[in-house]
Amino acid sequence: MITLMTLSYAKTAFFDFSEFAKNTDSLHPFLAFSGSCYLPSDNKLTLYVNHQKQTFPISTLLALFIPLSSGENKIVIEIKYKNKTWIKNDYSISCFPNKNLRADFNQDLRVDVLDLFLLSKKMDLPTDLFRYDSLYDLNQDQIISMEDFKLFEKSFEFQPYQ
């Protein structure tokens, strides 16, 4: 508690992206991005993901996903404070995406009942293009609904590694 209060009064911030991009090869058509952070309430921080030239307010950083294309993907994660670069990391991800894995929500390289459970928790929710929840928006209409469930059913039997 004392540490958090001190950080708050000092108006400092910290980030942990250590879980990001551990694997430089991917079969998934997306890369899950999540990181823990602590921010003061008056932050002027912005997160930039330079792959599709997307920008995110840092206050909404819980998790998001980055679509990958086939081949080499150059991804730059940059955090700016008052428009000045504070943290910048470059990543290179080789991707040979399997579109059936789009329904592999738990990233275990299988589409099974566990993915169905995750999808069912997200039904009838609005979504945003790069938010983590949009993984469940299989038809990309920005609503997670029964249409997505029907698309999921088509890929339910797909097992890349048996």
Protein backbone atom coordinates (compact mmCIF):
# COMPACT_ATOMS: atom_id res chain seq x y z
CA MET A 1 0.00 0.00 0.00
CA ILE A 2 2.80 2.41 0.90
CA THR A 3 4.59 1.62 -2.36
CA LEU A 4 1.47 2.30 -4.42
CA MET A 5 0.81 5.56 -2.57
CA THR A 6 4.41 6.66 -3.15
CA LEU A 7 4.17 5.82 -6.85
CA SER A 8 0.91 7.73 -7.08
CA TYR A 9 2.28 10.89 -5.49
CA ALA A 10 5.47 10.68 -7.54
CA LYS A 11 3.32 10.53 -10.71
CA THR A 12 5.44 7.69 -12.00
CA ALA A 13 4.43 4.79 -14.24
CA PHE A 14 5.72 1.35 -15.02
CA PHE A 15 4.96 -1.31 -17.60
CA ASP A 16 5.65 -4.99 -17.98
CA PHE A 17 5.53 -6.32 -21.52
CA SER A 18 7.77 -9.28 -20.77
CA GLU A 19 5.10 -11.77 -21.86
CA PHE A 20 4.80 -10.16 -25.28
CA ALA A 21 6.40 -11.79 -28.31
CA LYS A 22 8.14 -14.65 -26.53
CA ASN A 23 7.53 -16.71 -29.65
CA THR A 24 8.88 -15.23 -32.85
CA ASP A 25 7.01 -17.77 -34.99
CA SER A 26 3.26 -18.01 -35.13
CA LEU A 27 0.51 -20.07 -36.73
CA HIS A 28 -2.15 -17.76 -35.35
CA PRO A 29 -3.55 -15.02 -37.57
CA PHE A 30 -3.19 -12.66 -34.61
CA LEU A 31 -0.73 -11.87 -31.86
CA ALA A 32 -2.17 -11.43 -28.38
CA PHE A 33 -0.75 -8.39 -26.59
CA SER A 34 -1.17 -7.84 -22.89
CA GLY A 35 0.85 -6.09 -20.29
CA SER A 36 0.47 -4.96 -16.73
CA CYS A 37 0.85 -1.29 -16.01
CA TYR A 38 0.52 1.27 -13.27
CA LEU A 39 -0.37 4.83 -14.25
CA PRO A 40 -1.00 8.02 -12.32
CA SER A 41 -4.52 9.36 -12.77
CA ASP A 42 -3.42 12.38 -14.80
CA ASN A 43 -1.46 10.40 -17.38
CA LYS A 44 -0.58 11.86 -20.74
CA LEU A 45 0.64 8.54 -22.07
CA THR A 46 -0.24 6.97 -25.40
CA LEU A 47 0.50 3.48 -26.69
CA TYR A 48 1.40 3.17 -30.35
CA VAL A 49 1.41 -0.16 -32.14
CA ASN A 50 3.13 0.40 -35.44
CA HIS A 51 2.07 -2.55 -37.53
CA GLN A 52 -1.19 -1.36 -38.93
CA LYS A 53 -0.49 2.22 -37.82
CA GLN A 54 -2.81 1.86 -34.84
CA THR A 55 -2.77 4.07 -31.74
CA PHE A 56 -4.29 3.31 -28.36
CA PRO A 57 -4.80 5.47 -25.27
CA ILE A 58 -2.70 3.79 -22.60
CA SER A 59 -5.53 3.96 -20.06
CA THR A 60 -7.40 1.30 -22.04
CA LEU A 61 -4.43 -1.06 -22.16
CA LEU A 62 -5.71 -4.30 -20.74
CA ALA A 63 -5.21 -6.53 -23.73
CA LEU A 64 -5.47 -6.23 -27.46
CA PHE A 65 -4.61 -8.32 -30.47
CA ILE A 66 -2.57 -7.49 -33.51
CA PRO A 67 -3.51 -9.14 -36.82
CA LEU A 68 -0.56 -10.85 -38.48
CA SER A 69 -0.03 -11.34 -42.17
CA SER A 70 1.84 -14.18 -43.83
CA GLY A 71 5.61 -13.85 -43.73
CA GLU A 72 7.65 -11.44 -41.62
CA ASN A 73 5.76 -8.97 -39.43
CA LYS A 74 7.62 -5.96 -38.05
CA ILE A 75 5.89 -4.66 -34.93
CA VAL A 76 6.95 -1.61 -32.98
CA ILE A 77 5.51 -0.99 -29.53
CA GLU A 78 6.04 2.61 -28.48
CA ILE A 79 4.88 4.51 -25.42
CA LYS A 80 4.93 8.28 -25.60
CA TYR A 81 4.56 10.80 -22.81
CA LYS A 82 3.42 14.23 -23.98
CA ASN A 83 4.26 13.12 -27.54
CA LYS A 84 7.87 12.25 -26.67
CA THR A 85 9.08 8.66 -26.94
CA TRP A 86 9.55 7.09 -23.53
CA ILE A 87 9.70 3.33 -24.25
CA LYS A 88 10.17 1.71 -27.66
CA ASN A 89 10.56 -1.98 -28.49
CA ASP A 90 10.83 -3.59 -31.93
CA TYR A 91 9.65 -7.13 -32.60
CA SER A 92 9.85 -9.39 -35.62
CA ILE A 93 7.27 -12.17 -35.86
CA SER A 94 7.32 -14.81 -38.61
CA CYS A 95 3.77 -15.92 -39.33
CA PHE A 96 2.33 -18.68 -41.45
CA PRO A 97 -1.28 -18.18 -40.37
CA ASN A 98 -3.84 -20.93 -40.36
CA LYS A 99 -7.22 -19.21 -40.64
CA ASN A 100 -8.92 -22.04 -38.75
CA LEU A 101 -6.96 -21.05 -35.66
CA ARG A 102 -8.89 -17.79 -35.55
CA ALA A 103 -11.37 -19.70 -33.36
CA ASP A 104 -8.61 -20.98 -31.07
CA PHE A 105 -9.32 -18.45 -28.32
CA ASN A 106 -7.15 -20.08 -25.66
CA GLN A 107 -4.22 -20.49 -28.09
CA ASP A 108 -3.67 -24.18 -27.46
CA LEU A 109 -3.50 -24.90 -31.24
CA ARG A 110 -6.85 -26.74 -31.12
CA VAL A 111 -10.43 -25.66 -31.61
CA ASP A 112 -12.43 -27.53 -29.00
CA VAL A 113 -14.98 -27.25 -26.20
CA LEU A 114 -12.70 -24.98 -24.16
CA ASP A 115 -12.87 -22.44 -26.96
CA LEU A 116 -16.65 -22.84 -27.01
CA PHE A 117 -16.72 -22.00 -23.31
CA LEU A 118 -14.69 -18.84 -23.91
CA LEU A 119 -16.88 -17.79 -26.82
CA SER A 120 -20.07 -18.34 -24.83
CA LYS A 121 -18.82 -15.94 -22.14
CA LYS A 122 -18.51 -13.19 -24.78
CA MET A 123 -21.88 -13.46 -26.55
CA ASP A 124 -23.81 -10.32 -27.57
CA LEU A 125 -21.06 -7.84 -26.78
CA PRO A 126 -19.92 -4.87 -28.84
CA THR A 127 -16.28 -5.04 -29.81
CA ASP A 128 -13.52 -2.88 -31.15
CA LEU A 129 -11.16 -3.72 -34.01
CA PHE A 130 -8.00 -4.27 -31.95
CA ARG A 131 -9.40 -5.05 -28.50
CA TYR A 132 -8.77 -8.52 -27.15
CA ASP A 133 -12.50 -9.29 -27.13
CA SER A 134 -12.58 -8.89 -30.89
CA LEU A 135 -10.83 -12.26 -31.17
CA TYR A 136 -14.32 -13.66 -30.66
CA ASP A 137 -15.79 -11.54 -33.46
CA LEU A 138 -15.21 -14.11 -36.18
CA ASN A 139 -17.27 -12.35 -38.84
CA GLN A 140 -15.73 -8.97 -37.93
CA ASP A 141 -19.04 -7.08 -37.67
CA GLN A 142 -17.97 -5.57 -34.32
CA ILE A 143 -20.63 -7.54 -32.41
CA ILE A 144 -20.00 -10.94 -30.81
CA SER A 145 -23.24 -12.76 -31.51
CA MET A 146 -24.83 -15.99 -32.74
CA GLU A 147 -23.39 -15.35 -36.21
CA ASP A 148 -19.94 -15.77 -34.68
CA PHE A 149 -21.14 -18.89 -32.90
CA LYS A 150 -22.21 -20.38 -36.26
CA LEU A 151 -18.80 -19.64 -37.74
CA PHE A 152 -17.21 -21.22 -34.70
CA GLU A 153 -19.29 -24.39 -35.21
CA LYS A 154 -17.84 -24.73 -38.72
CA SER A 155 -14.31 -24.80 -37.35
CA PHE A 156 -15.10 -26.77 -34.18
CA GLU A 157 -13.83 -30.10 -35.54
CA PHE A 158 -10.57 -28.62 -36.83
CA GLN A 159 -7.52 -30.08 -35.06
CA PRO A 160 -4.16 -28.99 -36.53
CA TYR A 161 -2.13 -31.40 -34.38
CA GLN A 162 -3.61 -34.82 -33.73
